[in-house]
Amino acid sequence: MTAILFLAQRATAFVLALAVAVHLGTILYAVRGGVTAAEILGRTHGNIVFALFYGLFVVAVAIHAPIGLRNILHEWTTWRGRSLDLALALFSIVLLTLGMRAVFAVYTA
């Protein structure tokens, strides 16, 4: 189990590094170009590339963050076992649900 979590953490870190770089680059481009929030929503509405990119971003976060938090809690507290794993699985589901709702909301706005 630990090896699988280790590999999942590293694989999602790679995806997140690329996604964050693209995301920040897009923000810088938009800010320098004077693009408004309304224009951004106009460009992302119905854009499948946007939805797929940010959907992948959300999935990577929903996997990566709970594994990292699990490692921190395991190292800094006495919380161990099934209850820790279940709590962080729930946290992952919350991140995934909220993130996908945001992607869907912007895509269909």
C-alpha atoms as a PDB file:
ATOM      1  CA  MET A   1       0.000   0.000   0.000  1.00  0.00           C
ATOM      2  CA  THR A   2       2.773   2.428   0.903  1.00  0.00           C
ATOM      3  CA  ALA A   3       4.506   1.872  -2.454  1.00  0.00           C
ATOM      4  CA  ILE A   4       1.281   2.599  -4.334  1.00  0.00           C
ATOM      5  CA  LEU A   5       0.750   5.815  -2.363  1.00  0.00           C
ATOM      6  CA  PHE A   6       4.370   6.808  -2.977  1.00  0.00           C
ATOM      7  CA  LEU A   7       3.986   6.309  -6.746  1.00  0.00           C
ATOM      8  CA  ALA A   8       0.616   8.087  -6.819  1.00  0.00           C
ATOM      9  CA  GLN A   9       2.101  11.037  -4.917  1.00  0.00           C
ATOM     10  CA  ARG A  10       5.023  11.338  -7.336  1.00  0.00           C
ATOM     11  CA  ALA A  11       2.928  10.891 -10.483  1.00  0.00           C
ATOM     12  CA  THR A  12       0.418  13.517  -9.404  1.00  0.00           C
ATOM     13  CA  ALA A  13       3.266  15.855  -8.414  1.00  0.00           C
ATOM     14  CA  PHE A  14       4.475  15.686 -12.011  1.00  0.00           C
ATOM     15  CA  VAL A  15       0.987  16.442 -13.365  1.00  0.00           C
ATOM     16  CA  LEU A  16       0.554  19.283 -10.869  1.00  0.00           C
ATOM     17  CA  ALA A  17       3.919  20.835 -11.712  1.00  0.00           C
ATOM     18  CA  LEU A  18       2.895  21.087 -15.359  1.00  0.00           C
ATOM     19  CA  ALA A  19      -0.668  22.162 -14.602  1.00  0.00           C
ATOM     20  CA  VAL A  20       0.379  24.864 -12.140  1.00  0.00           C
ATOM     21  CA  ALA A  21       2.928  26.233 -14.635  1.00  0.00           C
ATOM     22  CA  VAL A  22       0.282  26.416 -17.379  1.00  0.00           C
ATOM     23  CA  HIS A  23      -2.274  27.893 -14.977  1.00  0.00           C
ATOM     24  CA  LEU A  24       0.095  30.599 -13.711  1.00  0.00           C
ATOM     25  CA  GLY A  25       1.268  31.364 -17.227  1.00  0.00           C
ATOM     26  CA  THR A  26      -2.328  31.807 -18.306  1.00  0.00           C
ATOM     27  CA  ILE A  27      -3.014  34.125 -15.380  1.00  0.00           C
ATOM     28  CA  LEU A  28       0.027  36.257 -16.201  1.00  0.00           C
ATOM     29  CA  TYR A  29      -1.003  36.415 -19.853  1.00  0.00           C
ATOM     30  CA  ALA A  30      -4.548  37.437 -18.914  1.00  0.00           C
ATOM     31  CA  VAL A  31      -3.456  40.083 -16.409  1.00  0.00           C
ATOM     32  CA  ARG A  32      -0.924  41.648 -18.767  1.00  0.00           C
ATOM     33  CA  GLY A  33      -3.425  41.595 -21.603  1.00  0.00           C
ATOM     34  CA  GLY A  34      -6.089  43.296 -19.511  1.00  0.00           C
ATOM     35  CA  VAL A  35      -8.550  40.443 -19.953  1.00  0.00           C
ATOM     36  CA  THR A  36     -11.619  40.828 -17.735  1.00  0.00           C
ATOM     37  CA  ALA A  37     -13.356  38.093 -15.757  1.00  0.00           C
ATOM     38  CA  ALA A  38     -16.297  38.288 -18.166  1.00  0.00           C
ATOM     39  CA  GLU A  39     -13.959  37.769 -21.130  1.00  0.00           C
ATOM     40  CA  ILE A  40     -12.311  34.812 -19.404  1.00  0.00           C
ATOM     41  CA  LEU A  41     -15.701  33.215 -18.747  1.00  0.00           C
ATOM     42  CA  GLY A  42     -16.655  33.880 -22.355  1.00  0.00           C
ATOM     43  CA  ARG A  43     -13.557  32.036 -23.555  1.00  0.00           C
ATOM     44  CA  THR A  44     -13.940  29.075 -21.187  1.00  0.00           C
ATOM     45  CA  HIS A  45     -17.688  28.543 -21.615  1.00  0.00           C
ATOM     46  CA  GLY A  46     -18.168  25.364 -23.613  1.00  0.00           C
ATOM     47  CA  ASN A  47     -14.417  24.931 -24.150  1.00  0.00           C
ATOM     48  CA  ILE A  48     -13.738  21.196 -23.854  1.00  0.00           C
ATOM     49  CA  VAL A  49      -9.953  21.733 -23.684  1.00  0.00           C
ATOM     50  CA  PHE A  50     -10.463  23.972 -20.656  1.00  0.00           C
ATOM     51  CA  ALA A  51     -12.731  21.415 -18.993  1.00  0.00           C
ATOM     52  CA  LEU A  52     -10.351  18.511 -19.636  1.00  0.00           C
ATOM     53  CA  PHE A  53      -7.279  20.451 -18.464  1.00  0.00           C
ATOM     54  CA  TYR A  54      -8.858  21.659 -15.231  1.00  0.00           C
ATOM     55  CA  GLY A  55     -10.599  18.322 -14.710  1.00  0.00           C
ATOM     56  CA  LEU A  56      -7.200  16.623 -14.799  1.00  0.00           C
ATOM     57  CA  PHE A  57      -5.876  19.326 -12.474  1.00  0.00           C
ATOM     58  CA  VAL A  58      -8.688  18.608  -9.979  1.00  0.00           C
ATOM     59  CA  VAL A  59      -8.143  14.835 -10.102  1.00  0.00           C
ATOM     60  CA  ALA A  60      -4.414  15.296  -9.474  1.00  0.00           C
ATOM     61  CA  VAL A  61      -5.100  17.563  -6.482  1.00  0.00           C
ATOM     62  CA  ALA A  62      -7.712  15.154  -5.081  1.00  0.00           C
ATOM     63  CA  ILE A  63      -5.123  12.360  -5.139  1.00  0.00           C
ATOM     64  CA  HIS A  64      -1.988  14.311  -4.224  1.00  0.00           C
ATOM     65  CA  ALA A  65      -3.175  16.444  -1.282  1.00  0.00           C
ATOM     66  CA  PRO A  66      -4.719  13.698   0.871  1.00  0.00           C
ATOM     67  CA  ILE A  67      -1.645  11.479   0.483  1.00  0.00           C
ATOM     68  CA  GLY A  68       0.603  14.334   1.580  1.00  0.00           C
ATOM     69  CA  LEU A  69      -1.703  15.218   4.462  1.00  0.00           C
ATOM     70  CA  ARG A  70      -1.791  11.541   5.488  1.00  0.00           C
ATOM     71  CA  ASN A  71       2.011  11.501   5.641  1.00  0.00           C
ATOM     72  CA  ILE A  72       2.111  14.696   7.694  1.00  0.00           C
ATOM     73  CA  LEU A  73      -0.538  13.474  10.156  1.00  0.00           C
ATOM     74  CA  HIS A  74       1.199  10.117  10.437  1.00  0.00           C
ATOM     75  CA  GLU A  75       4.499  11.804  11.211  1.00  0.00           C
ATOM     76  CA  TRP A  76       3.276  14.545  13.557  1.00  0.00           C
ATOM     77  CA  THR A  77       0.445  12.832  15.436  1.00  0.00           C
ATOM     78  CA  THR A  78      -0.454   9.450  16.872  1.00  0.00           C
ATOM     79  CA  TRP A  79      -3.371   9.085  14.461  1.00  0.00           C
ATOM     80  CA  ARG A  80      -2.940   5.811  12.589  1.00  0.00           C
ATOM     81  CA  GLY A  81      -4.892   3.064  10.932  1.00  0.00           C
ATOM     82  CA  ARG A  82      -8.194   2.749   9.176  1.00  0.00           C
ATOM     83  CA  SER A  83      -9.806   5.878  10.644  1.00  0.00           C
ATOM     84  CA  LEU A  84      -7.006   8.057   9.272  1.00  0.00           C
ATOM     85  CA  ASP A  85      -7.259   6.447   5.851  1.00  0.00           C
ATOM     86  CA  LEU A  86     -11.045   6.785   5.793  1.00  0.00           C
ATOM     87  CA  ALA A  87     -10.943  10.436   6.886  1.00  0.00           C
ATOM     88  CA  LEU A  88      -8.488  11.257   4.115  1.00  0.00           C
ATOM     89  CA  ALA A  89     -10.455   9.250   1.557  1.00  0.00           C
ATOM     90  CA  LEU A  90     -13.449  11.406   2.489  1.00  0.00           C
ATOM     91  CA  PHE A  91     -11.277  14.516   2.169  1.00  0.00           C
ATOM     92  CA  SER A  92     -10.254  13.339  -1.296  1.00  0.00           C
ATOM     93  CA  ILE A  93     -13.895  12.875  -2.311  1.00  0.00           C
ATOM     94  CA  VAL A  94     -14.730  16.376  -1.035  1.00  0.00           C
ATOM     95  CA  LEU A  95     -11.855  17.892  -3.028  1.00  0.00           C
ATOM     96  CA  LEU A  96     -12.869  15.977  -6.139  1.00  0.00           C
ATOM     97  CA  THR A  97     -16.542  16.903  -5.805  1.00  0.00           C
ATOM     98  CA  LEU A  98     -15.967  20.604  -5.163  1.00  0.00           C
ATOM     99  CA  GLY A  99     -13.303  20.882  -7.854  1.00  0.00           C
ATOM    100  CA  MET A 100     -15.388  19.157 -10.503  1.00  0.00           C
ATOM    101  CA  ARG A 101     -18.394  21.294  -9.595  1.00  0.00           C
ATOM    102  CA  ALA A 102     -16.261  24.390 -10.203  1.00  0.00           C
ATOM    103  CA  VAL A 103     -14.995  23.073 -13.559  1.00  0.00           C
ATOM    104  CA  PHE A 104     -18.540  22.157 -14.603  1.00  0.00           C
ATOM    105  CA  ALA A 105     -19.890  25.539 -13.477  1.00  0.00           C
ATOM    106  CA  VAL A 106     -17.349  27.458 -15.541  1.00  0.00           C
ATOM    107  CA  TYR A 107     -17.703  25.135 -18.528  1.00  0.00           C
ATOM    108  CA  THR A 108     -21.485  25.478 -18.600  1.00  0.00           C
ATOM    109  CA  ALA A 109     -21.708  29.126 -17.450  1.00  0.00           C
END
